[in-house]
């Protein structure tokens, strides 16, 4: 028999495991639905390698291929799939370089303190750390915004291939603010006919 004092911790652990299991199951289901949507949309456009939609990370390349050329302001961006594939890599590289740059002044300050620094000297590192963390946070935020921007422009382009008027905008807003909504919307559109101007994307 369990100790009464352990009842609550064990219950919390069980709840935690159940929640993790449900989240994992939901993630797998959404992954399969997204793969099916990308595969079917690729077929509808005559695109090769629709099965790439089932490969983690690479699925974004196929999603970009489905979207085709996207517009960013007055500029048209080609090779959307390649950009969607490279953006996370560039994002990771930017973060890595930013962290290295952040460490340089901190390490330099620590080295300058010598072997027996006073508490005041140790505390003098804190402002440098805070400034470095703030700068890295700004860089990371900007890089992440570009990552999301490309993804959402591609989604908007895909929604525009199926629905006219303001519907693509509404779908995009839903996809931005509701978790997994982008996957559900893609799956919902997978068998719909393309609008006449989008019967085939090159």
Foldseek 3Di string as FASTA:
>chain_A
DDDPVCPVVVVVVVVVVVVVVVVVVVVVVLLVLQLVLQLLLCVQQVHPPSNLSNPPLLVQLSLLVSLAWFDDPPDIDGSLSVCLSCLVVVLVVQLVVLVVVLVVVLVVLVVVQPDDHDPVSVVVSVVSNVVSVVVSVVSSVVSVVVSVVSVLRSQLSNVCQQDDDCVSVVQSVCPVPPPSSSSVVSSVCRPGQTDPVPSHHD
